[in-house]
Amino acid sequence: MNPRNQIIIFMEQKSTLAGDWFFTDEDRAAIRKWPVKICRYIINRLRDNVTMINASGISYLTCPFCNYHWSIHRCCDGCEWGKNHGFCGQDDSELHRLKNGGEFTNKFYRRALKRAGA
């Protein structure tokens, strides 16, 4: 499967817990512009974070946007999710709307990655 689509499916799975606001058409469009080679790196990194270090919760370890912008660009300034929803560290970020963050378990992420074909 195309790694861009894997990332999109992964984010759609996260959206099932967070709500429709969490992953929008604008977010999908941003991922579709990322280079395939980088997307392959990101999905592999997400898989490694989940399977090797048992990452869970909402954090940079489980976020494709964080992995793309921090790992590749070493900054969050260009983060499309941040531009669409407010940057994670900001008080007005939509991330603060998240009511069920505790449900983002390692088991949830393993299932999401499997559904994404990663």
C-alpha atoms as a PDB file:
ATOM      1  CA  MET A   1       0.000   0.000   0.000  1.00  0.00           C
ATOM      2  CA  ASN A   2       1.106   3.552  -0.671  1.00  0.00           C
ATOM      3  CA  PRO A   3       2.697   4.972   2.509  1.00  0.00           C
ATOM      4  CA  ARG A   4       0.730   8.224   2.155  1.00  0.00           C
ATOM      5  CA  ASN A   5      -2.484   6.213   2.306  1.00  0.00           C
ATOM      6  CA  GLN A   6      -1.159   4.277   5.291  1.00  0.00           C
ATOM      7  CA  ILE A   7      -0.614   7.535   7.177  1.00  0.00           C
ATOM      8  CA  ILE A   8      -4.061   8.780   6.190  1.00  0.00           C
ATOM      9  CA  ILE A   9      -5.703   5.545   7.376  1.00  0.00           C
ATOM     10  CA  PHE A  10      -3.716   5.739  10.619  1.00  0.00           C
ATOM     11  CA  MET A  11      -4.977   9.285  11.212  1.00  0.00           C
ATOM     12  CA  GLU A  12      -8.534   8.285  10.326  1.00  0.00           C
ATOM     13  CA  GLN A  13      -8.304   5.603  12.997  1.00  0.00           C
ATOM     14  CA  LYS A  14      -7.187   8.228  15.526  1.00  0.00           C
ATOM     15  CA  SER A  15     -10.126  10.353  14.440  1.00  0.00           C
ATOM     16  CA  THR A  16     -12.543   7.557  15.407  1.00  0.00           C
ATOM     17  CA  LEU A  17     -11.648   8.250  19.038  1.00  0.00           C
ATOM     18  CA  ALA A  18     -10.970  11.968  18.902  1.00  0.00           C
ATOM     19  CA  GLY A  19     -13.860  13.067  16.690  1.00  0.00           C
ATOM     20  CA  ASP A  20     -14.357  14.258  13.131  1.00  0.00           C
ATOM     21  CA  TRP A  21     -12.641  17.563  13.875  1.00  0.00           C
ATOM     22  CA  PHE A  22      -9.334  15.782  14.588  1.00  0.00           C
ATOM     23  CA  PHE A  23      -8.465  14.835  10.999  1.00  0.00           C
ATOM     24  CA  THR A  24      -9.937  16.986   8.250  1.00  0.00           C
ATOM     25  CA  ASP A  25      -9.817  17.108   4.467  1.00  0.00           C
ATOM     26  CA  GLU A  26      -7.167  19.826   4.785  1.00  0.00           C
ATOM     27  CA  ASP A  27      -5.027  17.466   6.861  1.00  0.00           C
ATOM     28  CA  ARG A  28      -5.454  14.700   4.258  1.00  0.00           C
ATOM     29  CA  ALA A  29      -4.485  17.100   1.477  1.00  0.00           C
ATOM     30  CA  ALA A  30      -1.326  18.074   3.354  1.00  0.00           C
ATOM     31  CA  ILE A  31      -0.236  14.448   3.733  1.00  0.00           C
ATOM     32  CA  ARG A  32      -0.899  13.818   0.036  1.00  0.00           C
ATOM     33  CA  LYS A  33       1.748  16.462  -0.743  1.00  0.00           C
ATOM     34  CA  TRP A  34       4.454  14.793   1.339  1.00  0.00           C
ATOM     35  CA  PRO A  35       7.115  12.896  -0.628  1.00  0.00           C
ATOM     36  CA  VAL A  36       6.448   9.135  -0.771  1.00  0.00           C
ATOM     37  CA  LYS A  37       9.956   8.340   0.449  1.00  0.00           C
ATOM     38  CA  ILE A  38       9.421  10.499   3.539  1.00  0.00           C
ATOM     39  CA  CYS A  39       5.984   8.972   4.132  1.00  0.00           C
ATOM     40  CA  ARG A  40       7.550   5.517   4.094  1.00  0.00           C
ATOM     41  CA  TYR A  41      10.051   6.707   6.704  1.00  0.00           C
ATOM     42  CA  ILE A  42       7.272   8.214   8.851  1.00  0.00           C
ATOM     43  CA  ILE A  43       4.995   5.152   8.831  1.00  0.00           C
ATOM     44  CA  ASN A  44       7.993   2.969   9.706  1.00  0.00           C
ATOM     45  CA  ARG A  45       8.934   5.335  12.503  1.00  0.00           C
ATOM     46  CA  LEU A  46       5.390   5.322  13.879  1.00  0.00           C
ATOM     47  CA  ARG A  47       5.368   1.528  13.748  1.00  0.00           C
ATOM     48  CA  ASP A  48       8.721   1.368  15.542  1.00  0.00           C
ATOM     49  CA  ASN A  49       7.568   3.847  18.204  1.00  0.00           C
ATOM     50  CA  VAL A  50       4.470   1.765  18.869  1.00  0.00           C
ATOM     51  CA  THR A  51       5.989  -1.704  18.677  1.00  0.00           C
ATOM     52  CA  MET A  52       9.478  -1.145  20.048  1.00  0.00           C
ATOM     53  CA  ILE A  53       8.980   1.470  22.756  1.00  0.00           C
ATOM     54  CA  ASN A  54       5.260   0.883  23.381  1.00  0.00           C
ATOM     55  CA  ALA A  55       4.263   4.479  22.628  1.00  0.00           C
ATOM     56  CA  SER A  56       0.727   5.452  23.560  1.00  0.00           C
ATOM     57  CA  GLY A  57      -1.325   8.562  24.231  1.00  0.00           C
ATOM     58  CA  ILE A  58      -1.279  11.711  22.155  1.00  0.00           C
ATOM     59  CA  SER A  59       2.337  12.702  21.668  1.00  0.00           C
ATOM     60  CA  TYR A  60       4.990  13.379  19.073  1.00  0.00           C
ATOM     61  CA  LEU A  61       5.765   9.647  19.105  1.00  0.00           C
ATOM     62  CA  THR A  62       2.334   8.813  17.677  1.00  0.00           C
ATOM     63  CA  CYS A  63       1.762  11.830  15.437  1.00  0.00           C
ATOM     64  CA  PRO A  64       2.645  11.721  11.728  1.00  0.00           C
ATOM     65  CA  PHE A  65       2.703  15.522  11.570  1.00  0.00           C
ATOM     66  CA  CYS A  66       5.170  15.779  14.456  1.00  0.00           C
ATOM     67  CA  ASN A  67       7.315  13.057  12.933  1.00  0.00           C
ATOM     68  CA  TYR A  68       7.310  14.793   9.567  1.00  0.00           C
ATOM     69  CA  HIS A  69       7.996  18.317  10.746  1.00  0.00           C
ATOM     70  CA  TRP A  70      10.302  17.637  13.657  1.00  0.00           C
ATOM     71  CA  SER A  71      12.229  14.697  12.227  1.00  0.00           C
ATOM     72  CA  ILE A  72      12.611  16.192   8.784  1.00  0.00           C
ATOM     73  CA  HIS A  73      12.566  19.965   9.365  1.00  0.00           C
ATOM     74  CA  ARG A  74      13.539  20.156  13.067  1.00  0.00           C
ATOM     75  CA  CYS A  75      10.729  22.600  13.792  1.00  0.00           C
ATOM     76  CA  CYS A  76       6.963  22.744  14.108  1.00  0.00           C
ATOM     77  CA  ASP A  77       6.518  26.063  12.291  1.00  0.00           C
ATOM     78  CA  GLY A  78       5.259  24.519   9.045  1.00  0.00           C
ATOM     79  CA  CYS A  79       3.023  21.901  10.664  1.00  0.00           C
ATOM     80  CA  GLU A  80      -0.186  21.694   8.682  1.00  0.00           C
ATOM     81  CA  TRP A  81      -2.109  20.173  11.594  1.00  0.00           C
ATOM     82  CA  GLY A  82      -0.978  23.076  13.757  1.00  0.00           C
ATOM     83  CA  LYS A  83      -2.057  25.590  11.139  1.00  0.00           C
ATOM     84  CA  ASN A  84      -5.461  23.910  10.777  1.00  0.00           C
ATOM     85  CA  HIS A  85      -6.166  23.202  14.451  1.00  0.00           C
ATOM     86  CA  GLY A  86      -3.764  25.304  16.499  1.00  0.00           C
ATOM     87  CA  PHE A  87      -0.282  24.210  17.481  1.00  0.00           C
ATOM     88  CA  CYS A  88      -0.162  21.521  20.162  1.00  0.00           C
ATOM     89  CA  GLY A  89       1.406  23.679  22.873  1.00  0.00           C
ATOM     90  CA  GLN A  90      -0.954  26.613  22.427  1.00  0.00           C
ATOM     91  CA  ASP A  91      -3.788  27.149  24.904  1.00  0.00           C
ATOM     92  CA  ASP A  92      -6.278  27.579  22.059  1.00  0.00           C
ATOM     93  CA  SER A  93      -5.257  24.409  20.196  1.00  0.00           C
ATOM     94  CA  GLU A  94      -8.123  22.125  19.269  1.00  0.00           C
ATOM     95  CA  LEU A  95      -6.067  19.364  20.862  1.00  0.00           C
ATOM     96  CA  HIS A  96      -7.525  20.553  24.174  1.00  0.00           C
ATOM     97  CA  ARG A  97     -10.964  19.465  22.912  1.00  0.00           C
ATOM     98  CA  LEU A  98      -9.826  15.865  23.212  1.00  0.00           C
ATOM     99  CA  LYS A  99     -11.923  14.239  25.899  1.00  0.00           C
ATOM    100  CA  ASN A 100     -10.772  10.631  25.670  1.00  0.00           C
ATOM    101  CA  GLY A 101      -6.992  10.836  25.448  1.00  0.00           C
ATOM    102  CA  GLY A 102      -6.646   7.847  27.755  1.00  0.00           C
ATOM    103  CA  GLU A 103      -8.150   5.603  25.074  1.00  0.00           C
ATOM    104  CA  PHE A 104      -5.129   6.108  22.818  1.00  0.00           C
ATOM    105  CA  THR A 105      -3.442   3.014  24.215  1.00  0.00           C
ATOM    106  CA  ASN A 106      -0.584   1.090  22.714  1.00  0.00           C
ATOM    107  CA  LYS A 107      -3.084  -1.636  21.818  1.00  0.00           C
ATOM    108  CA  PHE A 108      -5.211   0.938  19.955  1.00  0.00           C
ATOM    109  CA  TYR A 109      -2.174   2.101  17.972  1.00  0.00           C
ATOM    110  CA  ARG A 110      -1.153  -1.449  17.105  1.00  0.00           C
ATOM    111  CA  ARG A 111      -4.656  -2.068  15.682  1.00  0.00           C
ATOM    112  CA  ALA A 112      -4.587   1.264  13.813  1.00  0.00           C
ATOM    113  CA  LEU A 113      -1.241   0.425  12.229  1.00  0.00           C
ATOM    114  CA  LYS A 114      -2.477  -3.036  11.263  1.00  0.00           C
ATOM    115  CA  ARG A 115      -5.570  -1.509   9.623  1.00  0.00           C
ATOM    116  CA  ALA A 116      -3.266   0.870   7.787  1.00  0.00           C
ATOM    117  CA  GLY A 117      -1.212  -2.043   6.500  1.00  0.00           C
ATOM    118  CA  ALA A 118       1.916  -0.933   8.320  1.00  0.00           C
END
